[in-house]
Amino acid sequence: MLISKHILGLEYFDSPWKIIASDANRSNSVTTFDVVEIRKVILGIFNAFPNNSSWRFFPAFFSFSDPTAPFNSPLPPESILITNLQGNYTGANFKGLKTGDVNNTANPDE
């Protein structure tokens, strides 16, 4: 419902992360096709998103040049390269997005 409101211009998302999470078909836009993909997963027609993963991970402190249009510039990388690892590494702070979860209620422990 929230994605449909965003598409119709009734209630825009207040976060670039919500926009990215709603892009279920990974087209770098939010359209009714994303709503259809999400419904197919919910109804069990698809076991997984055909063009996306269930979870996406990004650097936690990435700053978008235009938070209202995150697809207008390259998205942050979804991986990091660690070379010469010795001991524990605690510098990999990331934000996990559940595809389709625009109200941030997904619990990765469930």
Protein backbone atom coordinates (compact mmCIF):
# COMPACT_ATOMS: atom_id res chain seq x y z
CA MET A 1 0.00 0.00 0.00
CA LEU A 2 2.81 2.45 0.85
CA ILE A 3 4.53 1.81 -2.46
CA SER A 4 1.26 2.43 -4.32
CA LYS A 5 0.80 5.72 -2.45
CA HIS A 6 4.33 6.75 -3.42
CA ILE A 7 3.72 5.87 -7.10
CA LEU A 8 0.44 7.81 -7.14
CA GLY A 9 2.06 10.84 -5.51
CA LEU A 10 -0.23 10.68 -2.49
CA GLU A 11 2.52 10.12 0.09
CA TYR A 12 6.14 10.21 -1.01
CA PHE A 13 8.82 8.23 0.78
CA ASP A 14 10.90 10.24 3.23
CA SER A 15 14.07 8.19 2.77
CA PRO A 16 16.16 7.09 -0.21
CA TRP A 17 16.43 3.66 1.45
CA LYS A 18 12.65 3.19 1.17
CA ILE A 19 12.83 4.01 -2.52
CA ILE A 20 15.60 1.46 -3.07
CA ALA A 21 13.75 -1.18 -1.02
CA SER A 22 10.62 -0.70 -3.14
CA ASP A 23 12.49 -1.34 -6.42
CA ALA A 24 11.69 -5.07 -6.45
CA ASN A 25 12.59 -5.66 -10.10
CA ARG A 26 15.84 -3.65 -9.82
CA SER A 27 14.96 -1.33 -12.68
CA ASN A 28 16.24 1.75 -10.81
CA SER A 29 12.72 3.14 -10.65
CA VAL A 30 9.59 2.55 -8.59
CA THR A 31 6.58 1.53 -10.64
CA THR A 32 3.52 -0.69 -10.50
CA PHE A 33 5.70 -3.49 -11.88
CA ASP A 34 7.49 -3.53 -8.51
CA VAL A 35 4.17 -3.91 -6.71
CA VAL A 36 3.30 -6.84 -9.00
CA GLU A 37 6.67 -8.54 -8.31
CA ILE A 38 6.22 -8.15 -4.55
CA ARG A 39 2.68 -9.55 -4.70
CA LYS A 40 3.89 -12.57 -6.68
CA VAL A 41 6.39 -13.37 -3.93
CA ILE A 42 3.80 -12.84 -1.18
CA LEU A 43 1.28 -15.08 -2.97
CA GLY A 44 3.88 -17.79 -3.57
CA ILE A 45 3.80 -17.47 -7.37
CA PHE A 46 7.53 -16.75 -7.14
CA ASN A 47 9.79 -18.28 -4.49
CA ALA A 48 12.19 -15.34 -4.83
CA PHE A 49 12.50 -12.10 -6.75
CA PRO A 50 13.64 -12.97 -10.29
CA ASN A 51 15.83 -9.87 -10.75
CA ASN A 52 16.69 -8.97 -7.17
CA SER A 53 17.77 -10.49 -3.89
CA SER A 54 15.64 -10.63 -0.76
CA TRP A 55 18.16 -8.52 1.15
CA ARG A 56 20.56 -5.86 -0.11
CA PHE A 57 23.46 -4.45 1.89
CA PHE A 58 25.01 -1.00 1.53
CA PRO A 59 27.55 1.08 3.45
CA ALA A 60 25.66 2.46 6.46
CA PHE A 61 26.80 6.04 6.20
CA PHE A 62 26.47 6.59 2.45
CA SER A 63 25.29 10.09 1.58
CA PHE A 64 23.02 10.46 -1.46
CA SER A 65 23.51 13.53 -3.66
CA ASP A 66 19.70 13.77 -4.02
CA PRO A 67 17.89 11.77 -1.30
CA THR A 68 14.55 12.18 -3.10
CA ALA A 69 15.93 10.54 -6.27
CA PRO A 70 18.61 7.99 -5.31
CA PHE A 71 18.62 6.41 -8.78
CA ASN A 72 19.79 9.65 -10.42
CA SER A 73 23.35 8.89 -9.35
CA PRO A 74 25.19 5.58 -8.91
CA LEU A 75 24.05 3.56 -5.91
CA PRO A 76 26.61 2.78 -3.23
CA PRO A 77 28.57 -0.45 -3.69
CA GLU A 78 26.99 -3.59 -2.29
CA SER A 79 30.33 -5.14 -1.39
CA ILE A 80 33.62 -4.15 0.21
CA LEU A 81 37.12 -5.34 -0.48
CA ILE A 82 39.29 -6.18 2.51
CA THR A 83 42.93 -6.92 1.83
CA ASN A 84 45.59 -8.19 4.20
CA LEU A 85 43.12 -9.00 6.96
CA GLN A 86 44.85 -9.69 10.24
CA GLY A 87 42.79 -10.20 13.37
CA ASN A 88 39.25 -8.89 13.77
CA TYR A 89 37.81 -6.34 11.37
CA THR A 90 35.10 -4.08 12.78
CA GLY A 91 35.00 -1.40 10.08
CA ALA A 92 32.30 -2.94 7.89
CA ASN A 93 29.26 -0.93 8.97
CA PHE A 94 26.37 -1.61 6.63
CA LYS A 95 22.63 -1.11 6.22
CA GLY A 96 20.50 -4.10 5.28
CA LEU A 97 17.38 -3.52 3.19
CA LYS A 98 14.67 -6.15 2.82
CA THR A 99 13.25 -5.88 -0.67
CA GLY A 100 9.69 -4.59 -0.46
CA ASP A 101 9.96 -3.57 3.22
CA VAL A 102 9.35 0.16 3.04
CA ASN A 103 8.15 0.53 6.63
CA ASN A 104 11.30 -1.09 8.04
CA THR A 105 9.57 -3.89 9.93
CA ALA A 106 11.51 -6.88 8.57
CA ASN A 107 13.26 -8.85 11.28
CA PRO A 108 16.30 -10.79 10.04
CA ASP A 109 16.03 -13.11 13.06
CA GLU A 110 12.65 -14.48 11.94
